[in-house]
């Protein structure tokens, strides 16, 4: 029974992450609409998702690097 529980929990976590990724990309694309419109006459959905993904990835690498090297820097907060 333990294996079944692990499989169910794994599927639930994977689904939750998919939903979170979709929401994060949708939110970032909505936030970037004003920036993207003047730069591109026409942009397809795949390109919009790529721009959002790259922005999110770069934002994440900056935020984690400051906390990794300087845990008490102004841009970082500790998680209780």
N, C-alpha and C. Protein backbone atom coordinates (compact mmCIF):
# COMPACT_ATOMS: atom_id res chain seq x y z
N UNK A 1 0.82 -1.20 0.00
CA UNK A 1 0.00 0.00 0.00
C UNK A 1 0.86 1.26 0.00
N UNK A 2 2.03 1.19 0.57
CA UNK A 2 2.91 2.36 0.63
C UNK A 2 3.29 2.84 -0.77
N UNK A 3 3.56 1.93 -1.68
CA UNK A 3 3.92 2.28 -3.05
C UNK A 3 2.77 3.01 -3.74
N UNK A 4 1.56 2.55 -3.54
CA UNK A 4 0.38 3.20 -4.14
C UNK A 4 0.24 4.62 -3.61
N UNK A 5 0.41 4.80 -2.31
CA UNK A 5 0.33 6.14 -1.71
C UNK A 5 1.38 7.07 -2.32
N UNK A 6 2.58 6.56 -2.49
CA UNK A 6 3.66 7.37 -3.07
C UNK A 6 3.34 7.75 -4.52
N UNK A 7 2.78 6.81 -5.26
CA UNK A 7 2.42 7.09 -6.65
C UNK A 7 1.34 8.16 -6.74
N UNK A 8 0.34 8.06 -5.89
CA UNK A 8 -0.75 9.04 -5.88
C UNK A 8 -0.21 10.42 -5.48
N UNK A 9 0.61 10.45 -4.45
CA UNK A 9 1.18 11.73 -4.00
C UNK A 9 2.06 12.34 -5.08
N UNK A 10 2.82 11.51 -5.77
CA UNK A 10 3.69 11.99 -6.84
C UNK A 10 2.87 12.59 -7.99
N UNK A 11 1.82 11.93 -8.37
CA UNK A 11 0.94 12.44 -9.43
C UNK A 11 0.30 13.76 -9.02
N UNK A 12 -0.12 13.85 -7.77
CA UNK A 12 -0.75 15.08 -7.28
C UNK A 12 0.26 16.23 -7.30
N UNK A 13 1.50 15.97 -6.84
CA UNK A 13 2.52 17.02 -6.84
C UNK A 13 2.86 17.46 -8.26
N UNK A 14 2.97 16.50 -9.17
CA UNK A 14 3.28 16.84 -10.56
C UNK A 14 2.17 17.70 -11.16
N UNK A 15 0.92 17.35 -10.90
CA UNK A 15 -0.19 18.15 -11.40
C UNK A 15 -0.16 19.56 -10.79
N UNK A 16 0.11 19.66 -9.52
CA UNK A 16 0.18 20.96 -8.85
C UNK A 16 1.27 21.83 -9.47
N UNK A 17 2.43 21.25 -9.75
CA UNK A 17 3.53 22.00 -10.36
C UNK A 17 3.14 22.46 -11.77
N UNK A 18 2.48 21.60 -12.54
CA UNK A 18 2.02 22.00 -13.88
C UNK A 18 1.10 23.21 -13.79
N UNK A 19 0.18 23.18 -12.85
CA UNK A 19 -0.75 24.30 -12.68
C UNK A 19 0.00 25.57 -12.29
N UNK A 20 0.96 25.44 -11.38
CA UNK A 20 1.74 26.60 -10.95
C UNK A 20 2.58 27.17 -12.09
N UNK A 21 3.19 26.31 -12.89
CA UNK A 21 3.98 26.77 -14.03
C UNK A 21 3.11 27.50 -15.04
N UNK A 22 1.95 26.94 -15.32
CA UNK A 22 1.04 27.57 -16.27
C UNK A 22 0.61 28.94 -15.75
N UNK A 23 0.26 29.02 -14.49
CA UNK A 23 -0.17 30.29 -13.90
C UNK A 23 0.95 31.32 -13.92
N UNK A 24 2.17 30.90 -13.59
CA UNK A 24 3.31 31.82 -13.58
C UNK A 24 3.58 32.37 -14.98
N UNK A 25 3.54 31.50 -15.98
CA UNK A 25 3.78 31.96 -17.35
C UNK A 25 2.65 32.86 -17.84
N UNK A 26 1.41 32.51 -17.56
CA UNK A 26 0.27 33.35 -17.95
C UNK A 26 0.36 34.73 -17.30
N UNK A 27 0.68 34.76 -16.02
CA UNK A 27 0.80 36.03 -15.31
C UNK A 27 1.92 36.88 -15.89
N UNK A 28 3.07 36.27 -16.14
CA UNK A 28 4.20 37.02 -16.69
C UNK A 28 3.88 37.53 -18.10
N UNK A 29 3.19 36.74 -18.92
CA UNK A 29 2.80 37.21 -20.25
C UNK A 29 1.85 38.39 -20.15
N UNK A 30 0.91 38.34 -19.22
CA UNK A 30 -0.01 39.47 -19.03
C UNK A 30 0.75 40.71 -18.59
N UNK A 31 1.72 40.54 -17.69
CA UNK A 31 2.51 41.68 -17.21
C UNK A 31 3.39 42.26 -18.31
N UNK A 32 3.80 41.45 -19.27
CA UNK A 32 4.70 41.90 -20.33
C UNK A 32 3.97 42.46 -21.54
N UNK A 33 2.66 42.41 -21.58
CA UNK A 33 1.93 42.88 -22.75
C UNK A 33 2.33 44.29 -23.17
N UNK A 34 2.43 45.20 -22.22
CA UNK A 34 2.78 46.59 -22.55
C UNK A 34 4.20 46.70 -23.09
N UNK A 35 5.12 45.86 -22.61
CA UNK A 35 6.50 45.88 -23.09
C UNK A 35 6.62 45.26 -24.48
N UNK A 36 5.89 44.19 -24.71
CA UNK A 36 6.01 43.41 -25.94
C UNK A 36 5.38 44.13 -27.13
N UNK A 37 4.25 44.76 -26.93
CA UNK A 37 3.51 45.37 -28.04
C UNK A 37 4.35 46.33 -28.89
N UNK A 38 5.09 47.26 -28.29
CA UNK A 38 5.87 48.18 -29.13
C UNK A 38 7.07 47.52 -29.83
N UNK A 39 7.54 46.40 -29.31
CA UNK A 39 8.73 45.76 -29.86
C UNK A 39 8.44 44.85 -31.06
N UNK A 40 7.22 44.30 -31.10
CA UNK A 40 6.87 43.34 -32.14
C UNK A 40 5.60 43.76 -32.84
N UNK A 41 5.63 43.73 -34.17
CA UNK A 41 4.41 44.00 -34.93
C UNK A 41 3.42 42.86 -34.74
N UNK A 42 3.97 41.64 -34.72
CA UNK A 42 3.16 40.44 -34.50
C UNK A 42 4.02 39.43 -33.76
N UNK A 43 3.45 38.74 -32.77
CA UNK A 43 4.19 37.73 -32.03
C UNK A 43 3.27 36.55 -31.75
N UNK A 44 3.77 35.36 -32.01
CA UNK A 44 2.93 34.18 -31.79
C UNK A 44 2.99 33.74 -30.33
N UNK A 45 2.11 32.84 -29.97
CA UNK A 45 1.98 32.39 -28.58
C UNK A 45 3.26 31.72 -28.08
N UNK A 46 3.88 30.91 -28.92
CA UNK A 46 5.10 30.22 -28.51
C UNK A 46 6.21 31.21 -28.19
N UNK A 47 6.31 32.26 -28.96
CA UNK A 47 7.33 33.28 -28.70
C UNK A 47 7.03 34.05 -27.42
N UNK A 48 5.76 34.37 -27.20
CA UNK A 48 5.38 35.05 -25.96
C UNK A 48 5.71 34.20 -24.74
N UNK A 49 5.42 32.91 -24.83
CA UNK A 49 5.72 32.00 -23.72
C UNK A 49 7.24 31.94 -23.50
N UNK A 50 8.00 31.91 -24.57
CA UNK A 50 9.46 31.85 -24.46
C UNK A 50 10.01 33.10 -23.80
N UNK A 51 9.54 34.26 -24.21
CA UNK A 51 9.99 35.51 -23.59
C UNK A 51 9.64 35.51 -22.10
N UNK A 52 8.44 35.09 -21.76
CA UNK A 52 8.03 35.03 -20.35
C UNK A 52 8.89 34.05 -19.57
N UNK A 53 9.15 32.89 -20.16
CA UNK A 53 9.96 31.87 -19.49
C UNK A 53 11.38 32.38 -19.23
N UNK A 54 11.99 33.00 -20.25
CA UNK A 54 13.35 33.52 -20.08
C UNK A 54 13.38 34.58 -19.00
N UNK A 55 12.39 35.46 -18.99
CA UNK A 55 12.33 36.51 -17.96
C UNK A 55 12.19 35.90 -16.57
N UNK A 56 11.29 34.93 -16.43
CA UNK A 56 11.12 34.28 -15.13
C UNK A 56 12.40 33.56 -14.70
N UNK A 57 13.06 32.88 -15.63
CA UNK A 57 14.29 32.16 -15.31
C UNK A 57 15.38 33.13 -14.88
N UNK A 58 15.52 34.24 -15.58
CA UNK A 58 16.53 35.23 -15.21
C UNK A 58 16.22 35.88 -13.88
N UNK A 59 14.95 36.19 -13.64
CA UNK A 59 14.55 36.78 -12.35
C UNK A 59 14.86 35.81 -11.22
N UNK A 60 14.57 34.52 -11.42
CA UNK A 60 14.81 33.52 -10.38
C UNK A 60 16.29 33.37 -10.10
N UNK A 61 17.12 33.37 -11.14
CA UNK A 61 18.56 33.18 -10.91
C UNK A 61 19.13 34.37 -10.16
N UNK A 62 18.64 35.57 -10.42
CA UNK A 62 19.12 36.75 -9.69
C UNK A 62 18.67 36.70 -8.24
N UNK A 63 17.43 36.31 -8.01
CA UNK A 63 16.92 36.33 -6.63
C UNK A 63 17.58 35.25 -5.78
N UNK A 64 17.85 34.09 -6.34
CA UNK A 64 18.48 33.04 -5.54
C UNK A 64 19.96 33.29 -5.36
N UNK A 65 20.61 33.93 -6.34
CA UNK A 65 22.04 34.16 -6.19
C UNK A 65 22.32 35.17 -5.10
N UNK A 66 21.49 36.19 -4.95
CA UNK A 66 21.75 37.18 -3.90
C UNK A 66 21.56 36.55 -2.53
N UNK A 67 20.58 35.68 -2.39
CA UNK A 67 20.34 35.04 -1.10
C UNK A 67 21.38 33.99 -0.78
N UNK A 68 21.94 33.37 -1.80
CA UNK A 68 22.94 32.34 -1.57
C UNK A 68 24.25 32.96 -1.11
N UNK A 69 24.59 34.13 -1.64
CA UNK A 69 25.88 34.73 -1.30
C UNK A 69 25.77 35.70 -0.14
N UNK A 70 24.64 36.37 -0.01
CA UNK A 70 24.45 37.36 1.06
C UNK A 70 23.08 37.16 1.68
N UNK A 71 22.93 36.24 2.62
CA UNK A 71 21.60 35.93 3.13
C UNK A 71 20.89 37.10 3.79
N UNK A 72 21.61 38.13 4.20
CA UNK A 72 20.96 39.24 4.88
C UNK A 72 20.90 40.49 4.00
N UNK A 73 21.07 40.35 2.70
CA UNK A 73 21.00 41.51 1.82
C UNK A 73 19.57 42.03 1.76
N UNK A 74 19.38 43.31 1.42
CA UNK A 74 18.04 43.93 1.46
C UNK A 74 17.01 43.24 0.57
N UNK A 75 17.42 42.63 -0.55
CA UNK A 75 16.46 42.01 -1.45
C UNK A 75 16.05 40.61 -1.04
N UNK A 76 16.63 40.10 0.04
CA UNK A 76 16.36 38.71 0.44
C UNK A 76 15.67 38.68 1.79
N UNK A 77 14.77 37.75 1.94
CA UNK A 77 14.12 37.54 3.22
C UNK A 77 14.20 36.07 3.59
N UNK A 78 14.29 35.83 4.85
CA UNK A 78 14.34 34.45 5.32
C UNK A 78 12.95 33.87 5.37
N UNK A 79 12.84 32.62 5.03
CA UNK A 79 11.58 31.92 5.13
C UNK A 79 11.53 31.27 6.52
N UNK A 80 10.46 31.51 7.26
CA UNK A 80 10.40 30.95 8.62
C UNK A 80 10.34 29.43 8.61
